[in-house]
PDB file of N, CA and C in Angstrom:
ATOM      1  N   MET A   1     -27.308 -12.437  -9.523  1.00  0.00           N
ATOM      2  CA  MET A   1     -27.507 -13.337  -8.244  1.00  0.00           C
ATOM      3  C   MET A   1     -27.484 -14.778  -8.837  1.00  0.00           C
ATOM      4  N   ALA A   2     -26.891 -15.717  -8.009  1.00  0.00           N
ATOM      5  CA  ALA A   2     -26.672 -17.095  -8.356  1.00  0.00           C
ATOM      6  C   ALA A   2     -28.205 -17.683  -8.412  1.00  0.00           C
ATOM      7  N   ASN A   3     -28.337 -18.749  -9.242  1.00  0.00           N
ATOM      8  CA  ASN A   3     -29.604 -19.275  -9.491  1.00  0.00           C
ATOM      9  C   ASN A   3     -29.545 -20.910  -9.037  1.00  0.00           C
ATOM     10  N   THR A   4     -28.367 -21.499  -9.437  1.00  0.00           N
ATOM     11  CA  THR A   4     -28.238 -22.875  -9.209  1.00  0.00           C
ATOM     12  C   THR A   4     -27.735 -23.110  -7.954  1.00  0.00           C
ATOM     13  N   ARG A   5     -27.909 -24.257  -7.397  1.00  0.00           N
ATOM     14  CA  ARG A   5     -27.515 -24.657  -5.932  1.00  0.00           C
ATOM     15  C   ARG A   5     -25.980 -24.604  -5.893  1.00  0.00           C
ATOM     16  N   SER A   6     -25.269 -25.041  -7.041  1.00  0.00           N
ATOM     17  CA  SER A   6     -23.779 -25.061  -6.985  1.00  0.00           C
ATOM     18  C   SER A   6     -23.327 -23.600  -7.110  1.00  0.00           C
ATOM     19  N   ALA A   7     -23.927 -22.768  -7.853  1.00  0.00           N
ATOM     20  CA  ALA A   7     -23.567 -21.366  -7.870  1.00  0.00           C
ATOM     21  C   ALA A   7     -23.786 -20.482  -6.518  1.00  0.00           C
ATOM     22  N   LYS A   8     -24.939 -20.911  -5.786  1.00  0.00           N
ATOM     23  CA  LYS A   8     -25.148 -20.401  -4.561  1.00  0.00           C
ATOM     24  C   LYS A   8     -23.988 -20.661  -3.449  1.00  0.00           C
ATOM     25  N   LYS A   9     -23.684 -22.013  -3.665  1.00  0.00           N
ATOM     26  CA  LYS A   9     -22.641 -22.548  -2.817  1.00  0.00           C
ATOM     27  C   LYS A   9     -21.313 -21.719  -3.011  1.00  0.00           C
ATOM     28  N   ALA A  10     -20.997 -21.701  -4.344  1.00  0.00           N
ATOM     29  CA  ALA A  10     -19.827 -20.858  -4.725  1.00  0.00           C
ATOM     30  C   ALA A  10     -19.610 -19.716  -4.299  1.00  0.00           C
ATOM     31  N   ALA A  11     -20.817 -18.959  -4.191  1.00  0.00           N
ATOM     32  CA  ALA A  11     -20.943 -17.529  -3.863  1.00  0.00           C
ATOM     33  C   ALA A  11     -20.683 -17.557  -2.230  1.00  0.00           C
ATOM     34  N   ARG A  12     -21.163 -18.381  -1.512  1.00  0.00           N
ATOM     35  CA  ARG A  12     -20.971 -18.354  -0.013  1.00  0.00           C
ATOM     36  C   ARG A  12     -19.422 -18.819   0.090  1.00  0.00           C
ATOM     37  N   GLN A  13     -18.976 -19.604  -0.593  1.00  0.00           N
ATOM     38  CA  GLN A  13     -17.508 -19.992  -0.434  1.00  0.00           C
ATOM     39  C   GLN A  13     -16.566 -18.814  -0.732  1.00  0.00           C
ATOM     40  N   ALA A  14     -16.961 -18.155  -1.850  1.00  0.00           N
ATOM     41  CA  ALA A  14     -16.254 -16.886  -2.006  1.00  0.00           C
ATOM     42  C   ALA A  14     -16.261 -15.894  -1.003  1.00  0.00           C
ATOM     43  N   VAL A  15     -17.383 -15.625  -0.320  1.00  0.00           N
ATOM     44  CA  VAL A  15     -17.334 -14.601   0.702  1.00  0.00           C
ATOM     45  C   VAL A  15     -16.489 -15.035   1.894  1.00  0.00           C
ATOM     46  N   ARG A  16     -16.538 -16.379   2.291  1.00  0.00           N
ATOM     47  CA  ARG A  16     -15.810 -16.984   3.234  1.00  0.00           C
ATOM     48  C   ARG A  16     -14.262 -16.720   2.945  1.00  0.00           C
ATOM     49  N   ARG A  17     -14.070 -17.108   1.755  1.00  0.00           N
ATOM     50  CA  ARG A  17     -12.591 -17.136   1.396  1.00  0.00           C
ATOM     51  C   ARG A  17     -12.136 -15.622   1.356  1.00  0.00           C
ATOM     52  N   THR A  18     -12.825 -14.745   0.930  1.00  0.00           N
ATOM     53  CA  THR A  18     -12.532 -13.265   0.912  1.00  0.00           C
ATOM     54  C   THR A  18     -12.182 -12.833   2.347  1.00  0.00           C
ATOM     55  N   GLU A  19     -12.976 -13.278   3.233  1.00  0.00           N
ATOM     56  CA  GLU A  19     -12.729 -12.901   4.630  1.00  0.00           C
ATOM     57  C   GLU A  19     -11.394 -13.422   5.207  1.00  0.00           C
ATOM     58  N   VAL A  20     -11.057 -14.690   4.854  1.00  0.00           N
ATOM     59  CA  VAL A  20      -9.751 -15.344   5.424  1.00  0.00           C
ATOM     60  C   VAL A  20      -8.552 -14.546   4.627  1.00  0.00           C
ATOM     61  N   ASN A  21      -8.744 -14.342   3.348  1.00  0.00           N
ATOM     62  CA  ASN A  21      -7.748 -13.666   2.576  1.00  0.00           C
ATOM     63  C   ASN A  21      -7.349 -12.213   3.093  1.00  0.00           C
ATOM     64  N   LYS A  22      -8.513 -11.634   3.362  1.00  0.00           N
ATOM     65  CA  LYS A  22      -8.312 -10.329   3.969  1.00  0.00           C
ATOM     66  C   LYS A  22      -7.566 -10.217   5.238  1.00  0.00           C
ATOM     67  N   ALA A  23      -7.867 -11.258   6.128  1.00  0.00           N
ATOM     68  CA  ALA A  23      -7.045 -11.305   7.344  1.00  0.00           C
ATOM     69  C   ALA A  23      -5.562 -11.668   7.090  1.00  0.00           C
ATOM     70  N   ARG A  24      -5.475 -12.669   6.209  1.00  0.00           N
ATOM     71  CA  ARG A  24      -4.049 -12.943   5.784  1.00  0.00           C
ATOM     72  C   ARG A  24      -3.188 -11.797   5.299  1.00  0.00           C
ATOM     73  N   ARG A  25      -3.901 -11.166   4.314  1.00  0.00           N
ATOM     74  CA  ARG A  25      -3.184  -9.895   3.747  1.00  0.00           C
ATOM     75  C   ARG A  25      -2.869  -8.831   4.895  1.00  0.00           C
ATOM     76  N   SER A  26      -3.832  -8.507   5.731  1.00  0.00           N
ATOM     77  CA  SER A  26      -3.545  -7.642   6.702  1.00  0.00           C
ATOM     78  C   SER A  26      -2.448  -8.158   7.674  1.00  0.00           C
ATOM     79  N   ARG A  27      -2.402  -9.321   7.893  1.00  0.00           N
ATOM     80  CA  ARG A  27      -1.412  -9.875   8.892  1.00  0.00           C
ATOM     81  C   ARG A  27       0.120  -9.628   8.116  1.00  0.00           C
ATOM     82  N   VAL A  28       0.193  -9.928   6.885  1.00  0.00           N
ATOM     83  CA  VAL A  28       1.288  -9.795   6.089  1.00  0.00           C
ATOM     84  C   VAL A  28       1.925  -8.408   6.149  1.00  0.00           C
ATOM     85  N   ARG A  29       0.830  -7.282   5.838  1.00  0.00           N
ATOM     86  CA  ARG A  29       1.117  -5.938   6.046  1.00  0.00           C
ATOM     87  C   ARG A  29       1.610  -5.565   7.480  1.00  0.00           C
ATOM     88  N   SER A  30       1.096  -5.947   8.357  1.00  0.00           N
ATOM     89  CA  SER A  30       1.444  -5.559   9.553  1.00  0.00           C
ATOM     90  C   SER A  30       2.869  -5.957   9.990  1.00  0.00           C
ATOM     91  N   TYR A  31       3.375  -7.242   9.544  1.00  0.00           N
ATOM     92  CA  TYR A  31       4.688  -7.659   9.725  1.00  0.00           C
ATOM     93  C   TYR A  31       5.595  -6.789   9.015  1.00  0.00           C
ATOM     94  N   VAL A  32       5.285  -6.414   7.769  1.00  0.00           N
ATOM     95  CA  VAL A  32       6.060  -5.714   6.968  1.00  0.00           C
ATOM     96  C   VAL A  32       6.359  -4.124   7.614  1.00  0.00           C
ATOM     97  N   ARG A  33       5.074  -3.767   7.913  1.00  0.00           N
ATOM     98  CA  ARG A  33       5.088  -2.352   8.757  1.00  0.00           C
ATOM     99  C   ARG A  33       5.986  -2.343   9.776  1.00  0.00           C
ATOM    100  N   LYS A  34       6.135  -3.483  10.528  1.00  0.00           N
ATOM    101  CA  LYS A  34       6.925  -3.337  11.841  1.00  0.00           C
ATOM    102  C   LYS A  34       8.408  -3.361  11.398  1.00  0.00           C
ATOM    103  N   VAL A  35       8.727  -3.952  10.341  1.00  0.00           N
ATOM    104  CA  VAL A  35      10.233  -3.857   9.854  1.00  0.00           C
ATOM    105  C   VAL A  35      10.462  -2.339   9.434  1.00  0.00           C
ATOM    106  N   GLU A  36       9.529  -1.965   8.533  1.00  0.00           N
ATOM    107  CA  GLU A  36       9.800  -0.495   8.083  1.00  0.00           C
ATOM    108  C   GLU A  36       9.769   0.636   9.190  1.00  0.00           C
ATOM    109  N   GLU A  37       9.120   0.234  10.273  1.00  0.00           N
ATOM    110  CA  GLU A  37       9.168   1.313  11.373  1.00  0.00           C
ATOM    111  C   GLU A  37      10.318   1.180  12.001  1.00  0.00           C
ATOM    112  N   ALA A  38      10.910   0.033  12.309  1.00  0.00           N
ATOM    113  CA  ALA A  38      12.144  -0.203  12.832  1.00  0.00           C
ATOM    114  C   ALA A  38      13.144   0.419  12.165  1.00  0.00           C
ATOM    115  N   ILE A  39      13.123   0.379  10.716  1.00  0.00           N
ATOM    116  CA  ILE A  39      14.178   0.781  10.024  1.00  0.00           C
ATOM    117  C   ILE A  39      14.220   2.394  10.002  1.00  0.00           C
ATOM    118  N   ALA A  40      13.049   2.965  10.132  1.00  0.00           N
ATOM    119  CA  ALA A  40      12.679   4.405  10.121  1.00  0.00           C
ATOM    120  C   ALA A  40      13.240   4.905  11.507  1.00  0.00           C
ATOM    121  N   LYS A  41      13.170   4.109  12.519  1.00  0.00           N
ATOM    122  CA  LYS A  41      13.763   4.579  13.872  1.00  0.00           C
ATOM    123  C   LYS A  41      15.393   4.388  13.876  1.00  0.00           C
ATOM    124  N   GLY A  42      15.876   3.579  12.954  1.00  0.00           N
ATOM    125  CA  GLY A  42      17.269   3.347  12.960  1.00  0.00           C
ATOM    126  C   GLY A  42      17.736   2.415  13.866  1.00  0.00           C
ATOM    127  N   ASP A  43      16.749   1.549  14.316  1.00  0.00           N
ATOM    128  CA  ASP A  43      17.236   0.481  15.309  1.00  0.00           C
ATOM    129  C   ASP A  43      17.513  -0.946  14.572  1.00  0.00           C
ATOM    130  N   ARG A  44      18.726  -1.085  14.285  1.00  0.00           N
ATOM    131  CA  ARG A  44      19.039  -2.217  13.308  1.00  0.00           C
ATOM    132  C   ARG A  44      18.831  -3.562  14.035  1.00  0.00           C
ATOM    133  N   ALA A  45      18.986  -3.707  15.267  1.00  0.00           N
ATOM    134  CA  ALA A  45      18.611  -4.883  15.992  1.00  0.00           C
ATOM    135  C   ALA A  45      17.124  -5.208  15.937  1.00  0.00           C
ATOM    136  N   ALA A  46      16.268  -4.223  16.137  1.00  0.00           N
ATOM    137  CA  ALA A  46      14.896  -4.389  16.046  1.00  0.00           C
ATOM    138  C   ALA A  46      14.302  -4.679  14.571  1.00  0.00           C
ATOM    139  N   ALA A  47      14.962  -3.922  13.593  1.00  0.00           N
ATOM    140  CA  ALA A  47      14.763  -4.247  12.213  1.00  0.00           C
ATOM    141  C   ALA A  47      15.136  -5.643  11.741  1.00  0.00           C
ATOM    142  N   SER A  48      16.130  -6.046  12.248  1.00  0.00           N
ATOM    143  CA  SER A  48      16.564  -7.382  11.926  1.00  0.00           C
ATOM    144  C   SER A  48      15.566  -8.568  12.543  1.00  0.00           C
ATOM    145  N   ALA A  49      15.292  -8.171  13.753  1.00  0.00           N
ATOM    146  CA  ALA A  49      14.454  -9.134  14.451  1.00  0.00           C
ATOM    147  C   ALA A  49      13.104  -9.120  13.769  1.00  0.00           C
ATOM    148  N   ALA A  50      12.429  -7.946  13.327  1.00  0.00           N
ATOM    149  CA  ALA A  50      11.215  -7.812  12.767  1.00  0.00           C
ATOM    150  C   ALA A  50      11.183  -8.595  11.429  1.00  0.00           C
ATOM    151  N   LEU A  51      12.366  -8.460  10.700  1.00  0.00           N
ATOM    152  CA  LEU A  51      12.543  -9.005   9.312  1.00  0.00           C
ATOM    153  C   LEU A  51      12.523 -10.565   9.374  1.00  0.00           C
ATOM    154  N   LYS A  52      13.056 -11.138  10.541  1.00  0.00           N
ATOM    155  CA  LYS A  52      13.090 -12.638  10.691  1.00  0.00           C
ATOM    156  C   LYS A  52      11.633 -13.054  11.008  1.00  0.00           C
ATOM    157  N   GLU A  53      10.751 -12.259  11.527  1.00  0.00           N
ATOM    158  CA  GLU A  53       9.457 -12.775  11.724  1.00  0.00           C
ATOM    159  C   GLU A  53       8.468 -12.457  10.432  1.00  0.00           C
ATOM    160  N   ALA A  54       9.015 -11.433   9.676  1.00  0.00           N
ATOM    161  CA  ALA A  54       8.177 -10.929   8.579  1.00  0.00           C
ATOM    162  C   ALA A  54       8.421 -11.974   7.341  1.00  0.00           C
ATOM    163  N   GLN A  55       9.601 -12.415   7.221  1.00  0.00           N
ATOM    164  CA  GLN A  55      10.003 -13.256   6.053  1.00  0.00           C
ATOM    165  C   GLN A  55       9.086 -14.488   6.078  1.00  0.00           C
ATOM    166  N   PRO A  56       9.100 -15.340   6.804  1.00  0.00           N
ATOM    167  CA  PRO A  56       8.073 -16.387   6.896  1.00  0.00           C
ATOM    168  C   PRO A  56       6.643 -16.149   6.634  1.00  0.00           C
ATOM    169  N   GLU A  57       6.286 -14.944   7.223  1.00  0.00           N
ATOM    170  CA  GLU A  57       4.756 -14.487   7.241  1.00  0.00           C
ATOM    171  C   GLU A  57       4.411 -14.178   5.549  1.00  0.00           C
ATOM    172  N   LEU A  58       5.502 -13.464   5.003  1.00  0.00           N
ATOM    173  CA  LEU A  58       5.439 -13.176   3.670  1.00  0.00           C
ATOM    174  C   LEU A  58       5.292 -14.357   2.699  1.00  0.00           C
ATOM    175  N   MET A  59       6.047 -15.214   3.024  1.00  0.00           N
ATOM    176  CA  MET A  59       6.257 -16.387   2.185  1.00  0.00           C
ATOM    177  C   MET A  59       5.021 -17.380   2.350  1.00  0.00           C
ATOM    178  N   ARG A  60       4.541 -17.393   3.586  1.00  0.00           N
ATOM    179  CA  ARG A  60       3.197 -18.066   3.899  1.00  0.00           C
ATOM    180  C   ARG A  60       2.060 -17.447   3.103  1.00  0.00           C
ATOM    181  N   GLY A  61       2.038 -16.051   3.008  1.00  0.00           N
ATOM    182  CA  GLY A  61       1.022 -15.440   2.157  1.00  0.00           C
ATOM    183  C   GLY A  61       1.278 -15.781   0.673  1.00  0.00           C
ATOM    184  N   ALA A  62       2.351 -15.788   0.201  1.00  0.00           N
ATOM    185  CA  ALA A  62       2.671 -16.325  -1.124  1.00  0.00           C
ATOM    186  C   ALA A  62       2.043 -17.614  -1.357  1.00  0.00           C
ATOM    187  N   ARG A  63       2.387 -18.551  -0.387  1.00  0.00           N
ATOM    188  CA  ARG A  63       2.140 -19.963  -0.654  1.00  0.00           C
ATOM    189  C   ARG A  63       0.617 -20.159  -0.620  1.00  0.00           C
ATOM    190  N   LYS A  64      -0.205 -19.236   0.123  1.00  0.00           N
ATOM    191  CA  LYS A  64      -1.660 -19.303   0.197  1.00  0.00           C
ATOM    192  C   LYS A  64      -2.386 -18.390  -0.789  1.00  0.00           C
ATOM    193  N   LYS A  65      -1.451 -18.008  -1.736  1.00  0.00           N
ATOM    194  CA  LYS A  65      -1.833 -17.095  -2.911  1.00  0.00           C
ATOM    195  C   LYS A  65      -2.564 -15.902  -2.541  1.00  0.00           C
ATOM    196  N   VAL A  66      -2.166 -15.272  -1.416  1.00  0.00           N
ATOM    197  CA  VAL A  66      -2.691 -13.907  -1.063  1.00  0.00           C
ATOM    198  C   VAL A  66      -1.980 -12.995  -1.821  1.00  0.00           C
ATOM    199  N   ILE A  67      -0.799 -13.024  -1.850  1.00  0.00           N
ATOM    200  CA  ILE A  67       0.118 -12.220  -2.621  1.00  0.00           C
ATOM    201  C   ILE A  67       0.953 -13.106  -3.626  1.00  0.00           C
ATOM    202  N   HIS A  68       1.398 -12.547  -4.665  1.00  0.00           N
ATOM    203  CA  HIS A  68       2.282 -13.364  -5.825  1.00  0.00           C
ATOM    204  C   HIS A  68       3.424 -13.700  -5.172  1.00  0.00           C
ATOM    205  N   LYS A  69       3.969 -14.861  -5.500  1.00  0.00           N
ATOM    206  CA  LYS A  69       5.346 -15.347  -4.863  1.00  0.00           C
ATOM    207  C   LYS A  69       6.527 -14.401  -5.309  1.00  0.00           C
ATOM    208  N   ASN A  70       6.462 -13.831  -6.512  1.00  0.00           N
ATOM    209  CA  ASN A  70       7.556 -12.884  -6.923  1.00  0.00           C
ATOM    210  C   ASN A  70       7.468 -11.631  -6.058  1.00  0.00           C
ATOM    211  N   ALA A  71       6.183 -11.236  -5.832  1.00  0.00           N
ATOM    212  CA  ALA A  71       5.906  -9.925  -5.010  1.00  0.00           C
ATOM    213  C   ALA A  71       6.526 -10.307  -3.745  1.00  0.00           C
ATOM    214  N   ALA A  72       6.260 -11.467  -2.986  1.00  0.00           N
ATOM    215  CA  ALA A  72       6.662 -11.748  -1.725  1.00  0.00           C
ATOM    216  C   ALA A  72       8.138 -11.825  -1.685  1.00  0.00           C
ATOM    217  N   ALA A  73       8.788 -12.441  -2.589  1.00  0.00           N
ATOM    218  CA  ALA A  73      10.310 -12.521  -2.778  1.00  0.00           C
ATOM    219  C   ALA A  73      10.989 -11.240  -2.868  1.00  0.00           C
ATOM    220  N   ARG A  74      10.247 -10.338  -3.735  1.00  0.00           N
ATOM    221  CA  ARG A  74      10.934  -8.966  -3.928  1.00  0.00           C
ATOM    222  C   ARG A  74      10.807  -8.132  -2.625  1.00  0.00           C
ATOM    223  N   LYS A  75       9.611  -8.213  -2.011  1.00  0.00           N
ATOM    224  CA  LYS A  75       9.489  -7.551  -0.726  1.00  0.00           C
ATOM    225  C   LYS A  75      10.569  -7.890   0.385  1.00  0.00           C
ATOM    226  N   VAL A  76      10.770  -9.269   0.635  1.00  0.00           N
ATOM    227  CA  VAL A  76      11.874  -9.834   1.444  1.00  0.00           C
ATOM    228  C   VAL A  76      13.328  -9.253   1.022  1.00  0.00           C
ATOM    229  N   SER A  77      13.539  -9.285  -0.233  1.00  0.00           N
ATOM    230  CA  SER A  77      14.757  -9.017  -0.891  1.00  0.00           C
ATOM    231  C   SER A  77      15.046  -7.454  -0.582  1.00  0.00           C
ATOM    232  N   ARG A  78      13.996  -6.685  -0.824  1.00  0.00           N
ATOM    233  CA  ARG A  78      14.206  -5.248  -0.658  1.00  0.00           C
ATOM    234  C   ARG A  78      14.222  -4.976   0.829  1.00  0.00           C
ATOM    235  N   LEU A  79      13.492  -5.425   1.635  1.00  0.00           N
ATOM    236  CA  LEU A  79      13.574  -5.268   3.231  1.00  0.00           C
ATOM    237  C   LEU A  79      14.982  -5.733   3.688  1.00  0.00           C
ATOM    238  N   THR A  80      15.464  -6.812   3.210  1.00  0.00           N
ATOM    239  CA  THR A  80      16.783  -7.382   3.742  1.00  0.00           C
ATOM    240  C   THR A  80      17.942  -6.323   3.364  1.00  0.00           C
ATOM    241  N   LYS A  81      17.735  -5.833   2.077  1.00  0.00           N
ATOM    242  CA  LYS A  81      18.671  -4.911   1.697  1.00  0.00           C
ATOM    243  C   LYS A  81      18.806  -3.798   2.464  1.00  0.00           C
ATOM    244  N   ARG A  82      17.473  -3.259   2.706  1.00  0.00           N
ATOM    245  CA  ARG A  82      17.438  -1.966   3.504  1.00  0.00           C
ATOM    246  C   ARG A  82      17.844  -2.273   4.983  1.00  0.00           C
ATOM    247  N   VAL A  83      17.745  -3.414   5.406  1.00  0.00           N
ATOM    248  CA  VAL A  83      18.146  -3.573   6.959  1.00  0.00           C
ATOM    249  C   VAL A  83      19.655  -3.749   6.805  1.00  0.00           C
ATOM    250  N   LYS A  84      20.190  -4.425   5.876  1.00  0.00           N
ATOM    251  CA  LYS A  84      21.659  -4.573   5.830  1.00  0.00           C
ATOM    252  C   LYS A  84      22.391  -3.385   5.729  1.00  0.00           C
ATOM    253  N   SER A  85      21.851  -2.372   4.888  1.00  0.00           N
ATOM    254  CA  SER A  85      22.403  -1.161   4.554  1.00  0.00           C
ATOM    255  C   SER A  85      22.294   0.077   5.792  1.00  0.00           C
ATOM    256  N   MET A  86      21.742  -0.515   6.932  1.00  0.00           N
ATOM    257  CA  MET A  86      21.611   0.460   8.050  1.00  0.00           C
ATOM    258  C   MET A  86      22.956   0.493   8.762  1.00  0.00           C
ATOM    259  N   SER A  87      23.184   1.677   9.299  1.00  0.00           N
ATOM    260  CA  SER A  87      24.574   1.774  10.025  1.00  0.00           C
ATOM    261  C   SER A  87      24.355   1.357  11.551  1.00  0.00           C
ATOM    262  N   GLY A  88      25.427   0.659  12.061  1.00  0.00           N
ATOM    263  CA  GLY A  88      25.562   0.225  13.420  1.00  0.00           C
ATOM    264  C   GLY A  88      24.968  -1.132  13.472  1.00  0.00           C
TER     265      GLY A  88
END
């Protein structure tokens, strides 16, 4: 347990920050899931639209250091590749 005032404050901030980061990570995952569901259905238009919404969300997550920037770039790249390879 924290003893000093500054350590107690740091502990409080860490709790708050964890909650914010959890929400951000969840939001990113939701957008990625929407793209993957559209790909699974075979709906290229919906997948493309979902990807357009997911890409800035992924990059925002990377900017806020919720996910690593290379991981975000990799996800965008792989999702884009999957959407482009869809027929129709």
